[in-house]
Amino acid sequence: MSKENIALAERAKRARRIVKNPALYKVCFGCDSIVASKVNICPNCHAYRFECDEDRVIDQARVLSMREQHSVVAEDLL
């Protein structure tokens, strides 16, 4: 399995977890990342406005699960 396929499989796995419990997550208005509902500031872009609607969280999880990661996350900066 290629590195890209492994990454997509991992994203799909996270998306399934989010879809099962969308109330535990929200979507950042700044970068469209999905973050935990307890977060006050997005760890990726430092925005502080979020969409908490469960349908929006599910839709975004499905979108993100089907494409490669485009955003820079904290682990990329280490």
N, C-alpha and C. Protein backbone atom coordinates (compact mmCIF):
# COMPACT_ATOMS: atom_id res chain seq x y z
N MET A 1 0.86 -1.18 0.00
CA MET A 1 0.00 0.00 0.00
C MET A 1 0.90 1.24 0.00
N SER A 2 0.60 2.19 -0.87
CA SER A 2 1.42 3.39 -0.97
C SER A 2 1.19 4.33 0.21
N LYS A 3 2.11 5.24 0.39
CA LYS A 3 2.03 6.21 1.49
C LYS A 3 0.75 7.05 1.37
N GLU A 4 0.40 7.43 0.15
CA GLU A 4 -0.82 8.22 -0.07
C GLU A 4 -2.07 7.43 0.28
N ASN A 5 -2.10 6.15 -0.09
CA ASN A 5 -3.26 5.31 0.22
C ASN A 5 -3.39 5.09 1.73
N ILE A 6 -2.27 4.96 2.41
CA ILE A 6 -2.30 4.81 3.87
C ILE A 6 -2.87 6.07 4.51
N ALA A 7 -2.43 7.24 4.02
CA ALA A 7 -2.93 8.51 4.57
C ALA A 7 -4.43 8.65 4.33
N LEU A 8 -4.90 8.29 3.13
CA LEU A 8 -6.33 8.38 2.84
C LEU A 8 -7.13 7.39 3.69
N ALA A 9 -6.59 6.22 3.90
CA ALA A 9 -7.27 5.22 4.75
C ALA A 9 -7.39 5.73 6.18
N GLU A 10 -6.35 6.38 6.66
CA GLU A 10 -6.38 6.93 8.01
C GLU A 10 -7.40 8.07 8.11
N ARG A 11 -7.46 8.92 7.09
CA ARG A 11 -8.45 10.00 7.07
C ARG A 11 -9.87 9.43 7.05
N ALA A 12 -10.08 8.37 6.28
CA ALA A 12 -11.40 7.73 6.23
C ALA A 12 -11.77 7.15 7.59
N LYS A 13 -10.81 6.58 8.27
CA LYS A 13 -11.05 6.01 9.60
C LYS A 13 -11.47 7.12 10.58
N ARG A 14 -10.76 8.26 10.55
CA ARG A 14 -11.12 9.38 11.42
C ARG A 14 -12.50 9.92 11.06
N ALA A 15 -12.81 9.97 9.76
CA ALA A 15 -14.11 10.47 9.32
C ALA A 15 -15.24 9.60 9.84
N ARG A 16 -15.05 8.28 9.82
CA ARG A 16 -16.09 7.37 10.34
C ARG A 16 -16.34 7.64 11.82
N ARG A 17 -15.27 7.89 12.57
CA ARG A 17 -15.41 8.19 14.00
C ARG A 17 -16.18 9.50 14.20
N ILE A 18 -15.91 10.48 13.37
CA ILE A 18 -16.59 11.78 13.46
C ILE A 18 -18.06 11.63 13.09
N VAL A 19 -18.35 10.91 12.01
CA VAL A 19 -19.73 10.72 11.55
C VAL A 19 -20.56 10.00 12.60
N LYS A 20 -19.96 9.10 13.35
CA LYS A 20 -20.68 8.38 14.40
C LYS A 20 -21.03 9.26 15.60
N ASN A 21 -20.22 10.30 15.85
CA ASN A 21 -20.42 11.18 17.01
C ASN A 21 -20.20 12.65 16.63
N PRO A 22 -21.00 13.19 15.72
CA PRO A 22 -20.76 14.56 15.25
C PRO A 22 -20.90 15.63 16.34
N ALA A 23 -21.62 15.34 17.40
CA ALA A 23 -21.79 16.33 18.47
C ALA A 23 -20.48 16.60 19.20
N LEU A 24 -19.50 15.73 19.04
CA LEU A 24 -18.21 15.91 19.71
C LEU A 24 -17.25 16.79 18.92
N TYR A 25 -17.70 17.28 17.75
CA TYR A 25 -16.82 18.01 16.85
C TYR A 25 -17.49 19.27 16.32
N LYS A 26 -16.67 20.14 15.71
CA LYS A 26 -17.18 21.32 15.01
C LYS A 26 -16.22 21.66 13.88
N VAL A 27 -16.69 22.48 12.93
CA VAL A 27 -15.91 22.83 11.75
C VAL A 27 -15.42 24.27 11.89
N CYS A 28 -14.12 24.46 11.67
CA CYS A 28 -13.52 25.80 11.76
C CYS A 28 -13.95 26.63 10.56
N PHE A 29 -14.42 27.86 10.81
CA PHE A 29 -14.77 28.77 9.72
C PHE A 29 -13.53 29.28 9.00
N GLY A 30 -12.38 29.27 9.67
CA GLY A 30 -11.15 29.79 9.07
C GLY A 30 -10.52 28.87 8.05
N CYS A 31 -10.45 27.56 8.37
CA CYS A 31 -9.72 26.64 7.49
C CYS A 31 -10.49 25.38 7.15
N ASP A 32 -11.73 25.26 7.60
CA ASP A 32 -12.59 24.10 7.34
C ASP A 32 -12.10 22.81 7.98
N SER A 33 -11.19 22.91 8.93
CA SER A 33 -10.75 21.73 9.68
C SER A 33 -11.84 21.31 10.64
N ILE A 34 -11.84 20.04 11.00
CA ILE A 34 -12.75 19.54 12.02
C ILE A 34 -11.95 19.43 13.31
N VAL A 35 -12.47 20.04 14.36
CA VAL A 35 -11.80 20.05 15.66
C VAL A 35 -12.76 19.55 16.73
N ALA A 36 -12.22 19.22 17.88
CA ALA A 36 -13.05 18.78 19.00
C ALA A 36 -13.94 19.92 19.46
N SER A 37 -15.13 19.59 19.90
CA SER A 37 -16.09 20.63 20.31
C SER A 37 -15.60 21.45 21.49
N LYS A 38 -14.68 20.93 22.30
CA LYS A 38 -14.18 21.66 23.46
C LYS A 38 -13.13 22.72 23.11
N VAL A 39 -12.64 22.71 21.87
CA VAL A 39 -11.61 23.65 21.43
C VAL A 39 -12.20 25.05 21.29
N ASN A 40 -11.47 26.06 21.75
CA ASN A 40 -11.90 27.45 21.62
C ASN A 40 -11.18 28.18 20.49
N ILE A 41 -9.96 27.72 20.18
CA ILE A 41 -9.17 28.31 19.10
C ILE A 41 -8.65 27.17 18.23
N CYS A 42 -8.82 27.31 16.92
CA CYS A 42 -8.39 26.26 16.00
C CYS A 42 -6.88 26.07 16.10
N PRO A 43 -6.42 24.85 16.33
CA PRO A 43 -4.98 24.62 16.43
C PRO A 43 -4.25 24.77 15.10
N ASN A 44 -4.99 24.78 13.99
CA ASN A 44 -4.36 24.88 12.67
C ASN A 44 -4.22 26.32 12.19
N CYS A 45 -5.28 27.12 12.33
CA CYS A 45 -5.24 28.49 11.78
C CYS A 45 -5.47 29.57 12.83
N HIS A 46 -5.75 29.17 14.05
CA HIS A 46 -5.98 30.06 15.19
C HIS A 46 -7.27 30.89 15.08
N ALA A 47 -8.19 30.45 14.25
CA ALA A 47 -9.51 31.10 14.17
C ALA A 47 -10.30 30.74 15.42
N TYR A 48 -11.32 31.52 15.71
CA TYR A 48 -12.13 31.27 16.90
C TYR A 48 -13.62 31.19 16.60
N ARG A 49 -13.98 31.05 15.32
CA ARG A 49 -15.38 30.89 14.95
C ARG A 49 -15.57 29.52 14.34
N PHE A 50 -16.65 28.85 14.77
CA PHE A 50 -16.87 27.47 14.36
C PHE A 50 -18.33 27.23 14.01
N GLU A 51 -18.55 26.26 13.14
CA GLU A 51 -19.88 25.77 12.81
C GLU A 51 -20.09 24.49 13.61
N CYS A 52 -21.13 24.48 14.44
CA CYS A 52 -21.37 23.33 15.31
C CYS A 52 -22.50 22.42 14.82
N ASP A 53 -23.16 22.79 13.74
CA ASP A 53 -24.27 22.00 13.22
C ASP A 53 -23.78 20.59 12.86
N GLU A 54 -24.44 19.58 13.40
CA GLU A 54 -24.01 18.20 13.21
C GLU A 54 -24.02 17.78 11.74
N ASP A 55 -25.00 18.25 10.97
CA ASP A 55 -25.05 17.91 9.55
C ASP A 55 -23.85 18.48 8.81
N ARG A 56 -23.46 19.69 9.17
CA ARG A 56 -22.28 20.32 8.55
C ARG A 56 -21.01 19.56 8.92
N VAL A 57 -20.90 19.12 10.15
CA VAL A 57 -19.74 18.33 10.60
C VAL A 57 -19.66 17.03 9.80
N ILE A 58 -20.79 16.36 9.64
CA ILE A 58 -20.81 15.10 8.89
C ILE A 58 -20.43 15.33 7.43
N ASP A 59 -21.00 16.36 6.82
CA ASP A 59 -20.67 16.66 5.42
C ASP A 59 -19.19 16.95 5.25
N GLN A 60 -18.63 17.74 6.16
CA GLN A 60 -17.22 18.09 6.06
C GLN A 60 -16.32 16.88 6.29
N ALA A 61 -16.70 16.00 7.20
CA ALA A 61 -15.93 14.78 7.44
C ALA A 61 -15.89 13.93 6.18
N ARG A 62 -17.00 13.85 5.49
CA ARG A 62 -17.05 13.06 4.25
C ARG A 62 -16.18 13.69 3.17
N VAL A 63 -16.22 15.00 3.06
CA VAL A 63 -15.39 15.70 2.06
C VAL A 63 -13.92 15.48 2.36
N LEU A 64 -13.52 15.68 3.61
CA LEU A 64 -12.11 15.55 3.97
C LEU A 64 -11.60 14.12 3.85
N SER A 65 -12.48 13.16 4.03
CA SER A 65 -12.05 11.76 3.96
C SER A 65 -11.71 11.31 2.55
N MET A 66 -12.16 12.07 1.55
CA MET A 66 -11.96 11.65 0.16
C MET A 66 -10.83 12.39 -0.55
N ARG A 67 -10.11 13.23 0.18
CA ARG A 67 -9.01 13.95 -0.47
C ARG A 67 -7.80 14.00 0.45
N GLU A 68 -6.67 14.30 -0.15
CA GLU A 68 -5.45 14.41 0.63
C GLU A 68 -5.51 15.64 1.52
N GLN A 69 -4.73 15.64 2.56
CA GLN A 69 -4.66 16.77 3.48
C GLN A 69 -4.00 17.95 2.77
N HIS A 70 -4.62 19.13 2.89
CA HIS A 70 -4.07 20.35 2.28
C HIS A 70 -3.57 21.32 3.33
N SER A 71 -4.12 21.24 4.52
CA SER A 71 -3.76 22.21 5.55
C SER A 71 -2.48 21.81 6.28
N VAL A 72 -1.82 22.80 6.82
CA VAL A 72 -0.64 22.58 7.64
C VAL A 72 -1.12 22.42 9.08
N VAL A 73 -0.68 21.35 9.72
CA VAL A 73 -1.07 21.10 11.10
C VAL A 73 0.17 21.19 11.98
N ALA A 74 -0.04 21.21 13.29
CA ALA A 74 1.05 21.39 14.24
C ALA A 74 2.17 20.37 14.04
N GLU A 75 1.83 19.11 13.74
CA GLU A 75 2.85 18.08 13.56
C GLU A 75 3.78 18.39 12.37
N ASP A 76 3.27 19.12 11.38
CA ASP A 76 4.09 19.47 10.22
C ASP A 76 5.19 20.46 10.57
N LEU A 77 5.02 21.18 11.66
CA LEU A 77 5.96 22.23 12.03
C LEU A 77 7.05 21.76 12.97
N LEU A 78 7.03 20.50 13.35
CA LEU A 78 8.04 19.97 14.27
C LEU A 78 9.33 19.65 13.55
